[in-house]
C-alpha atoms as a PDB file:
ATOM      1  CA  THR A   1     135.297 128.374 150.881  1.00  0.00           C
ATOM      2  CA  ARG A   2     134.956 132.280 149.852  1.00  0.00           C
ATOM      3  CA  GLN A   3     131.104 131.780 150.156  1.00  0.00           C
ATOM      4  CA  GLU A   4     131.560 130.331 153.769  1.00  0.00           C
ATOM      5  CA  GLU A   5     130.647 127.140 152.443  1.00  0.00           C
ATOM      6  CA  THR A   6     132.034 123.934 153.848  1.00  0.00           C
ATOM      7  CA  GLY A   7     133.798 121.562 151.584  1.00  0.00           C
ATOM      8  CA  LEU A   8     134.726 117.709 151.598  1.00  0.00           C
ATOM      9  CA  LEU A   9     137.416 116.301 149.657  1.00  0.00           C
ATOM     10  CA  PHE A  10     137.352 112.269 149.430  1.00  0.00           C
ATOM     11  CA  THR A  11     140.840 111.289 147.976  1.00  0.00           C
ATOM     12  CA  LEU A  12     141.853 107.782 146.759  1.00  0.00           C
ATOM     13  CA  ASP A  13     145.179 109.199 145.368  1.00  0.00           C
ATOM     14  CA  GLU A  14     147.087 111.692 147.695  1.00  0.00           C
ATOM     15  CA  THR A  15     147.093 111.599 151.402  1.00  0.00           C
ATOM     16  CA  PRO A  16     145.962 114.576 153.383  1.00  0.00           C
ATOM     17  CA  ALA A  17     149.494 115.418 154.008  1.00  0.00           C
ATOM     18  CA  GLN A  18     150.316 115.131 150.269  1.00  0.00           C
ATOM     19  CA  LEU A  19     147.285 117.464 149.576  1.00  0.00           C
ATOM     20  CA  ARG A  20     148.278 120.224 152.188  1.00  0.00           C
ATOM     21  CA  GLU A  21     151.557 120.203 150.558  1.00  0.00           C
ATOM     22  CA  ILE A  22     150.496 120.723 146.965  1.00  0.00           C
ATOM     23  CA  ALA A  23     148.221 123.139 148.150  1.00  0.00           C
ATOM     24  CA  ARG A  24     150.937 125.001 150.064  1.00  0.00           C
ATOM     25  CA  GLY A  25     152.910 125.293 146.832  1.00  0.00           C
ATOM     26  CA  PHE A  26     150.102 127.352 145.615  1.00  0.00           C
ATOM     27  CA  GLY A  27     149.920 129.591 148.662  1.00  0.00           C
ATOM     28  CA  TRP A  28     146.725 128.069 149.753  1.00  0.00           C
ATOM     29  CA  ASP A  29     146.380 127.418 153.720  1.00  0.00           C
ATOM     30  CA  VAL A  30     144.361 124.135 153.826  1.00  0.00           C
ATOM     31  CA  ALA A  31     145.212 123.023 157.328  1.00  0.00           C
ATOM     32  CA  ALA A  32     143.727 126.713 158.620  1.00  0.00           C
ATOM     33  CA  LEU A  33     140.610 125.601 156.710  1.00  0.00           C
ATOM     34  CA  GLU A  34     140.511 122.366 158.199  1.00  0.00           C
ATOM     35  CA  ALA A  35     140.996 123.969 161.739  1.00  0.00           C
ATOM     36  CA  GLN A  36     138.010 126.167 161.101  1.00  0.00           C
ATOM     37  CA  GLN A  37     136.151 122.860 160.025  1.00  0.00           C
ATOM     38  CA  ARG A  38     135.405 124.784 156.623  1.00  0.00           C
ATOM     39  CA  VAL A  39     137.348 121.847 154.624  1.00  0.00           C
ATOM     40  CA  LEU A  40     137.580 117.996 155.515  1.00  0.00           C
ATOM     41  CA  LEU A  41     140.268 115.945 153.786  1.00  0.00           C
ATOM     42  CA  SER A  42     139.218 112.161 153.983  1.00  0.00           C
ATOM     43  CA  TYR A  43     141.645 109.418 152.582  1.00  0.00           C
ATOM     44  CA  THR A  44     140.818 106.009 151.602  1.00  0.00           C
ATOM     45  CA  SER A  45     143.578 103.643 150.059  1.00  0.00           C
ATOM     46  CA  PRO A  46     142.302 101.883 146.853  1.00  0.00           C
ATOM     47  CA  VAL A  47     143.761  98.611 147.986  1.00  0.00           C
ATOM     48  CA  GLU A  48     141.498  98.958 150.996  1.00  0.00           C
ATOM     49  CA  LEU A  49     138.408  99.987 149.332  1.00  0.00           C
ATOM     50  CA  SER A  50     134.905  98.439 150.581  1.00  0.00           C
ATOM     51  CA  PRO A  51     132.445 100.344 148.096  1.00  0.00           C
ATOM     52  CA  ASP A  52     129.532 100.140 150.478  1.00  0.00           C
ATOM     53  CA  ARG A  53     131.232 101.105 153.403  1.00  0.00           C
ATOM     54  CA  PHE A  54     133.075 103.867 151.419  1.00  0.00           C
ATOM     55  CA  PHE A  55     129.678 105.138 149.994  1.00  0.00           C
ATOM     56  CA  HIS A  56     128.295 105.250 153.556  1.00  0.00           C
ATOM     57  CA  GLN A  57     131.278 107.134 154.745  1.00  0.00           C
ATOM     58  CA  ILE A  58     130.818 109.708 152.322  1.00  0.00           C
ATOM     59  CA  LEU A  59     127.320 109.996 153.309  1.00  0.00           C
ATOM     60  CA  SER A  60     127.797 110.267 156.876  1.00  0.00           C
ATOM     61  CA  GLN A  61     130.492 112.995 156.640  1.00  0.00           C
ATOM     62  CA  ILE A  62     128.266 114.941 154.369  1.00  0.00           C
ATOM     63  CA  GLU A  63     125.838 115.268 156.853  1.00  0.00           C
ATOM     64  CA  ALA A  64     128.143 115.413 159.899  1.00  0.00           C
ATOM     65  CA  LEU A  65     130.022 118.393 158.456  1.00  0.00           C
ATOM     66  CA  GLY A  66     127.152 120.222 156.460  1.00  0.00           C
ATOM     67  CA  ALA A  67     129.209 120.096 153.382  1.00  0.00           C
ATOM     68  CA  ARG A  68     127.833 122.008 150.401  1.00  0.00           C
ATOM     69  CA  ARG A  69     130.602 121.375 148.080  1.00  0.00           C
ATOM     70  CA  VAL A  70     131.885 117.642 147.740  1.00  0.00           C
ATOM     71  CA  VAL A  71     134.798 116.539 145.602  1.00  0.00           C
ATOM     72  CA  LEU A  72     135.462 112.585 144.731  1.00  0.00           C
ATOM     73  CA  ASP A  73     139.089 112.471 143.589  1.00  0.00           C
ATOM     74  CA  SER A  74     139.070 110.095 141.519  1.00  0.00           C
ATOM     75  CA  LEU A  75     136.498 107.524 139.950  1.00  0.00           C
ATOM     76  CA  THR A  76     139.399 106.147 138.047  1.00  0.00           C
ATOM     77  CA  THR A  77     141.358 105.148 141.215  1.00  0.00           C
ATOM     78  CA  MET A  78     137.837 103.998 142.735  1.00  0.00           C
ATOM     79  CA  ALA A  79     137.538 101.764 139.600  1.00  0.00           C
ATOM     80  CA  LEU A  80     140.675  99.904 140.766  1.00  0.00           C
ATOM     81  CA  GLY A  81     138.757  98.577 143.954  1.00  0.00           C
ATOM     82  CA  LEU A  82     135.683  97.739 142.048  1.00  0.00           C
ATOM     83  CA  SER A  83     134.769  94.232 140.741  1.00  0.00           C
ATOM     84  CA  SER A  84     133.129  95.497 137.384  1.00  0.00           C
ATOM     85  CA  ASP A  85     132.224  99.017 135.443  1.00  0.00           C
ATOM     86  CA  GLN A  86     128.468  98.425 136.626  1.00  0.00           C
ATOM     87  CA  ARG A  87     129.285  98.437 140.129  1.00  0.00           C
ATOM     88  CA  LEU A  88     131.419 102.200 139.577  1.00  0.00           C
ATOM     89  CA  ARG A  89     128.201 103.402 137.652  1.00  0.00           C
ATOM     90  CA  VAL A  90     125.895 102.316 140.373  1.00  0.00           C
ATOM     91  CA  LEU A  91     127.868 103.662 143.179  1.00  0.00           C
ATOM     92  CA  ALA A  92     128.471 107.121 141.049  1.00  0.00           C
ATOM     93  CA  TYR A  93     124.663 107.054 140.256  1.00  0.00           C
ATOM     94  CA  ALA A  94     123.737 106.554 143.754  1.00  0.00           C
ATOM     95  CA  LEU A  95     125.872 109.373 144.905  1.00  0.00           C
ATOM     96  CA  ALA A  96     124.912 111.891 142.287  1.00  0.00           C
ATOM     97  CA  LYS A  97     121.430 111.169 143.183  1.00  0.00           C
ATOM     98  CA  TYR A  98     121.971 111.635 147.072  1.00  0.00           C
ATOM     99  CA  CYS A  99     123.761 114.939 146.404  1.00  0.00           C
ATOM    100  CA  ARG A 100     121.338 116.304 144.034  1.00  0.00           C
ATOM    101  CA  ALA A 101     118.642 115.862 146.487  1.00  0.00           C
ATOM    102  CA  ALA A 102     120.694 117.253 149.289  1.00  0.00           C
ATOM    103  CA  ALA A 103     121.676 120.402 147.154  1.00  0.00           C
ATOM    104  CA  VAL A 104     125.182 119.372 147.567  1.00  0.00           C
ATOM    105  CA  THR A 105     127.417 120.267 144.386  1.00  0.00           C
ATOM    106  CA  LEU A 106     129.342 117.203 143.687  1.00  0.00           C
ATOM    107  CA  LEU A 107     132.347 117.086 141.558  1.00  0.00           C
ATOM    108  CA  MET A 108     133.806 113.694 140.481  1.00  0.00           C
ATOM    109  CA  ALA A 109     137.171 113.503 138.862  1.00  0.00           C
ATOM    110  CA  MET A 110     138.060 111.073 135.963  1.00  0.00           C
ATOM    111  CA  GLU A 111     141.182 110.790 134.043  1.00  0.00           C
ATOM    112  CA  VAL A 112     141.327 109.867 130.677  1.00  0.00           C
ATOM    113  CA  PRO A 113     143.983 107.809 129.307  1.00  0.00           C
ATOM    114  CA  GLU A 114     145.247 109.762 126.430  1.00  0.00           C
ATOM    115  CA  LEU A 115     147.731 112.587 127.186  1.00  0.00           C
ATOM    116  CA  LEU A 116     147.398 114.134 123.663  1.00  0.00           C
ATOM    117  CA  GLY A 117     145.413 112.683 120.778  1.00  0.00           C
ATOM    118  CA  THR A 118     141.648 111.678 120.792  1.00  0.00           C
ATOM    119  CA  SER A 119     139.957 110.546 124.046  1.00  0.00           C
ATOM    120  CA  GLN A 120     137.144 108.380 124.862  1.00  0.00           C
ATOM    121  CA  LEU A 121     135.120 110.641 126.999  1.00  0.00           C
ATOM    122  CA  THR A 122     132.385 108.587 128.138  1.00  0.00           C
ATOM    123  CA  GLY A 123     134.481 107.140 131.196  1.00  0.00           C
ATOM    124  CA  HIS A 124     132.997 103.621 132.369  1.00  0.00           C
ATOM    125  CA  GLY A 125     129.548 105.168 131.060  1.00  0.00           C
ATOM    126  CA  ILE A 126     129.635 107.960 133.760  1.00  0.00           C
ATOM    127  CA  SER A 127     129.018 110.888 131.818  1.00  0.00           C
ATOM    128  CA  SER A 128     125.458 110.240 131.237  1.00  0.00           C
ATOM    129  CA  ILE A 129     125.031 110.451 135.024  1.00  0.00           C
ATOM    130  CA  ALA A 130     126.633 113.761 135.392  1.00  0.00           C
ATOM    131  CA  ASP A 131     124.564 117.060 134.907  1.00  0.00           C
ATOM    132  CA  ASN A 132     128.073 118.559 133.428  1.00  0.00           C
ATOM    133  CA  VAL A 133     131.170 117.323 132.027  1.00  0.00           C
ATOM    134  CA  ILE A 134     134.185 119.516 131.573  1.00  0.00           C
ATOM    135  CA  LEU A 135     137.289 118.462 129.935  1.00  0.00           C
ATOM    136  CA  MET A 136     140.726 119.568 131.035  1.00  0.00           C
ATOM    137  CA  ARG A 137     143.601 118.375 128.969  1.00  0.00           C
ATOM    138  CA  TYR A 138     147.005 119.365 127.552  1.00  0.00           C
ATOM    139  CA  VAL A 139     147.511 120.607 124.099  1.00  0.00           C
ATOM    140  CA  GLU A 140     150.744 121.241 122.314  1.00  0.00           C
ATOM    141  CA  VAL A 141     151.255 124.786 120.969  1.00  0.00           C
ATOM    142  CA  GLY A 142     154.362 125.774 119.564  1.00  0.00           C
ATOM    143  CA  GLY A 143     156.374 123.042 120.900  1.00  0.00           C
ATOM    144  CA  GLN A 144     155.224 123.543 124.714  1.00  0.00           C
ATOM    145  CA  LEU A 145     152.232 121.949 126.549  1.00  0.00           C
ATOM    146  CA  GLU A 146     149.513 124.040 127.373  1.00  0.00           C
ATOM    147  CA  ARG A 147     146.148 123.314 129.442  1.00  0.00           C
ATOM    148  CA  ALA A 148     142.919 123.507 128.003  1.00  0.00           C
ATOM    149  CA  ILE A 149     139.389 123.328 129.509  1.00  0.00           C
ATOM    150  CA  SER A 150     135.953 122.909 127.653  1.00  0.00           C
ATOM    151  CA  VAL A 151     132.513 122.272 128.780  1.00  0.00           C
ATOM    152  CA  LEU A 152     131.119 119.158 126.890  1.00  0.00           C
ATOM    153  CA  LYS A 153     127.869 119.047 128.600  1.00  0.00           C
ATOM    154  CA  ALA A 154     125.638 121.426 130.784  1.00  0.00           C
ATOM    155  CA  ARG A 155     122.221 119.926 131.413  1.00  0.00           C
ATOM    156  CA  GLY A 156     119.191 122.220 130.460  1.00  0.00           C
ATOM    157  CA  VAL A 157     121.616 125.132 130.077  1.00  0.00           C
ATOM    158  CA  ALA A 158     123.375 127.022 127.099  1.00  0.00           C
ATOM    159  CA  HIS A 159     127.246 126.870 127.324  1.00  0.00           C
ATOM    160  CA  ALA A 160     130.260 128.363 125.413  1.00  0.00           C
ATOM    161  CA  LYS A 161     131.747 125.293 123.318  1.00  0.00           C
ATOM    162  CA  GLU A 162     135.027 126.684 122.586  1.00  0.00           C
ATOM    163  CA  LEU A 163     138.331 125.194 124.022  1.00  0.00           C
ATOM    164  CA  ARG A 164     140.095 127.834 126.265  1.00  0.00           C
ATOM    165  CA  ARG A 165     143.480 128.131 128.083  1.00  0.00           C
ATOM    166  CA  LEU A 166     143.609 127.137 131.440  1.00  0.00           C
ATOM    167  CA  SER A 167     145.965 128.314 134.195  1.00  0.00           C
ATOM    168  CA  ILE A 168     146.284 127.071 137.745  1.00  0.00           C
ATOM    169  CA  THR A 169     147.718 129.942 139.833  1.00  0.00           C
ATOM    170  CA  THR A 170     147.734 131.004 143.642  1.00  0.00           C
ATOM    171  CA  ARG A 171     144.315 132.691 142.544  1.00  0.00           C
ATOM    172  CA  GLY A 172     142.927 129.354 141.608  1.00  0.00           C
ATOM    173  CA  LEU A 173     141.757 128.164 138.383  1.00  0.00           C
ATOM    174  CA  GLU A 174     142.002 130.907 135.383  1.00  0.00           C
ATOM    175  CA  VAL A 175     140.077 130.355 131.990  1.00  0.00           C
ATOM    176  CA  GLY A 176     141.875 132.401 129.461  1.00  0.00           C
ATOM    177  CA  ASP A 177     141.340 133.023 125.952  1.00  0.00           C
ATOM    178  CA  PRO A 178     139.911 130.525 123.418  1.00  0.00           C
ATOM    179  CA  PHE A 179     142.197 128.865 121.009  1.00  0.00           C
ATOM    180  CA  THR A 180     140.720 130.924 118.034  1.00  0.00           C
ATOM    181  CA  ASP A 181     143.905 130.851 115.789  1.00  0.00           C
ATOM    182  CA  LEU A 182     143.956 127.165 115.834  1.00  0.00           C
ATOM    183  CA  ARG A 183     141.976 124.147 114.610  1.00  0.00           C
ATOM    184  CA  GLY A 184     142.355 120.468 115.767  1.00  0.00           C
ATOM    185  CA  VAL A 185     142.792 121.830 119.648  1.00  0.00           C
ATOM    186  CA  LEU A 186     140.814 118.846 120.719  1.00  0.00           C
ATOM    187  CA  THR A 187     143.321 116.219 119.101  1.00  0.00           C
ATOM    188  CA  GLY A 188     146.011 117.941 121.515  1.00  0.00           C
ATOM    189  CA  ILE A 189     148.034 118.796 118.507  1.00  0.00           C
ATOM    190  CA  PRO A 190     146.226 121.786 116.932  1.00  0.00           C
ATOM    191  CA  ILE A 191     147.621 123.427 113.889  1.00  0.00           C
ATOM    192  CA  PRO A 192     147.306 127.036 112.902  1.00  0.00           C
ATOM    193  CA  MET A 193     144.299 128.219 111.081  1.00  0.00           C
ATOM    194  CA  GLN A 194     144.783 128.998 107.244  1.00  0.00           C
ATOM    195  CA  VAL A 195     144.080 132.652 106.620  1.00  0.00           C
ATOM    196  CA  ASN A 196     143.350 133.383 102.973  1.00  0.00           C
ATOM    197  CA  PRO A 197     145.251 136.569 101.842  1.00  0.00           C
ATOM    198  CA  ALA A 198     143.190 139.608 100.406  1.00  0.00           C
ATOM    199  CA  ARG A 199     142.607 139.275  96.551  1.00  0.00           C
ATOM    200  CA  PRO A 200     143.334 142.348  94.545  1.00  0.00           C
END
Protein backbone atom coordinates (compact mmCIF):
# COMPACT_ATOMS: atom_id res chain seq x y z
CA THR A 1 0.00 0.00 0.00
CA ARG A 2 2.98 2.34 0.42
CA GLN A 3 3.36 2.26 -3.37
CA GLU A 4 -0.32 3.13 -3.86
CA GLU A 5 -1.03 -0.35 -5.23
CA THR A 6 -4.31 -2.08 -4.53
CA GLY A 7 -4.33 -5.38 -2.70
CA LEU A 8 -6.65 -8.35 -2.20
CA LEU A 9 -6.58 -10.79 0.69
CA PHE A 10 -8.57 -13.98 0.15
CA THR A 11 -8.92 -15.65 3.51
CA LEU A 12 -10.26 -19.08 4.35
CA ASP A 13 -9.18 -18.86 7.98
CA GLU A 14 -9.97 -15.56 9.73
CA THR A 15 -12.99 -13.44 8.91
CA PRO A 16 -12.48 -9.81 7.84
CA ALA A 17 -13.55 -8.67 11.32
CA GLN A 18 -10.90 -10.90 12.90
CA LEU A 19 -8.25 -9.65 10.47
CA ARG A 20 -9.11 -6.01 11.20
CA GLU A 21 -8.74 -6.70 14.92
CA ILE A 22 -5.40 -8.47 14.45
CA ALA A 23 -4.15 -5.59 12.28
CA ARG A 24 -5.34 -3.05 14.86
CA GLY A 25 -3.12 -4.80 17.42
CA PHE A 26 -0.14 -3.88 15.24
CA GLY A 27 -1.34 -0.32 14.74
CA TRP A 28 -2.50 -0.90 11.16
CA ASP A 29 -5.78 0.67 10.07
CA VAL A 30 -7.05 -1.82 7.51
CA ALA A 31 -10.59 -0.40 7.64
CA ALA A 32 -9.28 2.96 6.34
CA LEU A 33 -7.55 1.20 3.44
CA GLU A 34 -10.77 -0.69 2.69
CA ALA A 35 -12.72 2.61 2.67
CA GLN A 36 -10.22 3.96 0.11
CA GLN A 37 -10.67 0.76 -1.94
CA ARG A 38 -6.97 0.06 -1.67
CA VAL A 39 -7.50 -3.24 0.14
CA LEU A 40 -10.28 -5.80 -0.10
CA LEU A 41 -10.69 -8.59 2.44
CA SER A 42 -12.64 -11.51 0.99
CA TYR A 43 -13.65 -14.41 3.25
CA THR A 44 -14.91 -17.83 2.20
CA SER A 45 -15.67 -20.57 4.71
CA PRO A 46 -13.71 -23.74 3.85
CA VAL A 47 -16.76 -25.88 4.61
CA GLU A 48 -18.70 -23.99 1.91
CA LEU A 49 -15.85 -23.96 -0.58
CA SER A 50 -16.76 -24.64 -4.20
CA PRO A 51 -13.35 -24.76 -5.92
CA ASP A 52 -14.45 -23.55 -9.35
CA ARG A 53 -16.67 -20.80 -7.97
CA PHE A 54 -13.88 -19.71 -5.59
CA PHE A 55 -11.36 -19.58 -8.44
CA HIS A 56 -13.65 -17.46 -10.61
CA GLN A 57 -14.43 -15.22 -7.63
CA ILE A 58 -10.71 -14.57 -7.20
CA LEU A 59 -10.25 -13.71 -10.88
CA SER A 60 -13.29 -11.43 -11.03
CA GLN A 61 -12.29 -9.54 -7.86
CA ILE A 62 -8.72 -9.09 -9.11
CA GLU A 63 -10.07 -7.55 -12.31
CA ALA A 64 -12.77 -5.46 -10.61
CA LEU A 65 -10.35 -3.93 -8.10
CA GLY A 66 -7.37 -3.75 -10.46
CA ALA A 67 -5.34 -5.46 -7.74
CA ARG A 68 -1.57 -5.66 -8.15
CA ARG A 69 -0.94 -7.65 -4.95
CA VAL A 70 -2.96 -10.76 -4.01
CA VAL A 71 -2.68 -12.98 -0.94
CA LEU A 72 -4.34 -16.37 -0.56
CA ASP A 73 -4.46 -17.53 3.06
CA SER A 74 -4.17 -20.40 3.01
CA LEU A 75 -3.60 -23.31 0.67
CA THR A 76 -3.59 -25.56 3.73
CA THR A 77 -7.18 -24.62 4.55
CA MET A 78 -8.20 -24.69 0.90
CA ALA A 79 -7.00 -28.31 0.71
CA LEU A 80 -9.62 -29.22 3.33
CA GLY A 81 -12.38 -28.34 0.88
CA LEU A 82 -10.89 -30.24 -2.06
CA SER A 83 -11.16 -33.88 -2.97
CA SER A 84 -7.47 -34.46 -3.71
CA ASP A 85 -3.97 -32.99 -3.70
CA GLN A 86 -4.11 -33.05 -7.49
CA ARG A 87 -7.14 -30.73 -7.47
CA LEU A 88 -5.24 -28.35 -5.17
CA ARG A 89 -2.22 -28.34 -7.49
CA VAL A 90 -4.41 -27.64 -10.53
CA LEU A 91 -6.12 -24.67 -8.86
CA ALA A 92 -2.84 -23.27 -7.50
CA TYR A 93 -1.20 -23.65 -10.92
CA ALA A 94 -4.09 -21.95 -12.74
CA LEU A 95 -4.12 -19.05 -10.26
CA ALA A 96 -0.33 -18.62 -10.43
CA LYS A 97 -0.37 -18.71 -14.24
CA TYR A 98 -3.17 -16.14 -14.42
CA CYS A 99 -1.46 -13.77 -11.99
CA ARG A 100 1.90 -14.08 -13.73
CA ALA A 101 0.32 -13.20 -17.10
CA ALA A 102 -1.57 -10.26 -15.53
CA ALA A 103 1.59 -8.91 -13.79
CA VAL A 104 -0.02 -9.47 -10.40
CA THR A 105 2.13 -10.51 -7.46
CA LEU A 106 0.57 -13.56 -5.79
CA LEU A 107 1.46 -14.75 -2.30
CA MET A 108 0.06 -18.14 -1.28
CA ALA A 109 0.53 -19.20 2.33
CA MET A 110 0.86 -22.82 3.39
CA GLU A 111 1.47 -24.24 6.84
CA VAL A 112 4.06 -26.90 7.51
CA PRO A 113 2.91 -29.38 10.16
CA GLU A 114 5.93 -29.27 12.46
CA LEU A 115 6.41 -26.44 14.96
CA LEU A 116 10.02 -27.52 15.46
CA GLY A 117 12.05 -30.22 13.73
CA THR A 118 12.43 -31.28 10.15
CA SER A 119 9.58 -30.27 7.87
CA GLN A 120 8.40 -31.56 4.53
CA LEU A 121 8.63 -28.40 2.47
CA THR A 122 7.07 -29.56 -0.79
CA GLY A 123 3.53 -28.94 0.54
CA HIS A 124 1.18 -31.00 -1.67
CA GLY A 125 3.58 -30.52 -4.61
CA ILE A 126 2.92 -26.76 -4.67
CA SER A 127 6.55 -25.62 -4.35
CA SER A 128 7.28 -26.55 -7.98
CA ILE A 129 4.54 -24.11 -9.11
CA ALA A 130 5.93 -21.14 -7.17
CA ASP A 131 8.62 -18.83 -8.51
CA ASN A 132 9.79 -18.14 -4.97
CA VAL A 133 9.51 -20.15 -1.75
CA ILE A 134 10.05 -18.45 1.60
CA LEU A 135 10.10 -20.44 4.84
CA MET A 136 9.05 -18.82 8.10
CA ARG A 137 9.36 -20.95 11.21
CA TYR A 138 10.07 -20.99 14.92
CA VAL A 139 13.44 -21.93 16.37
CA GLU A 140 14.35 -22.49 20.00
CA VAL A 141 17.21 -20.26 21.13
CA GLY A 142 18.24 -20.09 24.77
CA GLY A 143 14.99 -21.63 25.97
CA GLN A 144 12.84 -19.16 23.99
CA LEU A 145 11.06 -19.37 20.67
CA GLU A 146 12.26 -16.99 17.97
CA ARG A 147 10.95 -16.54 14.45
CA ALA A 148 13.26 -17.29 11.55
CA ILE A 149 12.98 -16.68 7.81
CA SER A 150 14.88 -18.03 4.83
CA VAL A 151 14.56 -18.01 1.05
CA LEU A 152 14.45 -21.61 -0.16
CA LYS A 153 13.89 -20.80 -3.81
CA ALA A 154 14.02 -17.73 -6.04
CA ARG A 155 13.66 -18.74 -9.66
CA GLY A 156 16.31 -17.20 -11.89
CA VAL A 157 17.72 -14.99 -9.12
CA ALA A 158 20.77 -15.37 -6.90
CA HIS A 159 19.63 -15.07 -3.29
CA ALA A 160 20.94 -15.22 0.25
CA LYS A 161 20.69 -18.70 1.72
CA GLU A 162 21.13 -18.10 5.44
CA LEU A 163 18.36 -18.21 8.03
CA ARG A 164 17.71 -14.82 9.60
CA ARG A 165 15.82 -13.60 12.62
CA LEU A 166 12.32 -12.31 11.89
CA SER A 167 10.14 -9.91 13.86
CA ILE A 168 6.59 -8.72 13.25
CA THR A 169 6.22 -5.15 14.48
CA THR A 170 4.06 -2.09 13.91
CA ARG A 171 6.36 -1.33 10.97
CA GLY A 172 5.64 -4.74 9.39
CA LEU A 173 8.02 -7.65 8.91
CA GLU A 174 11.57 -6.90 9.98
CA VAL A 175 14.34 -9.23 8.85
CA GLY A 176 17.28 -9.21 11.23
CA ASP A 177 20.71 -10.76 11.54
CA PRO A 178 21.48 -14.32 10.45
CA PHE A 179 21.92 -17.06 13.05
CA THR A 180 25.67 -17.10 12.43
CA ASP A 181 26.60 -18.34 15.90
CA LEU A 182 24.37 -21.42 15.69
CA ARG A 183 24.14 -24.54 13.58
CA GLY A 184 21.12 -26.75 13.02
CA VAL A 185 18.75 -23.77 12.92
CA LEU A 186 16.60 -25.42 10.25
CA THR A 187 15.84 -28.28 12.66
CA GLY A 188 14.23 -25.75 15.01
CA ILE A 189 16.58 -26.67 17.85
CA PRO A 190 19.93 -25.07 17.00
CA ILE A 191 23.13 -25.57 18.97
CA PRO A 192 26.04 -23.15 19.43
CA MET A 193 28.89 -23.34 16.95
CA GLN A 194 32.05 -24.78 18.46
CA VAL A 195 34.91 -22.31 18.38
CA ASN A 196 38.36 -23.88 18.44
CA PRO A 197 40.62 -22.08 20.89
CA ALA A 198 43.75 -20.55 19.41
CA ARG A 199 46.80 -22.74 19.83
CA PRO A 200 49.95 -21.25 21.35
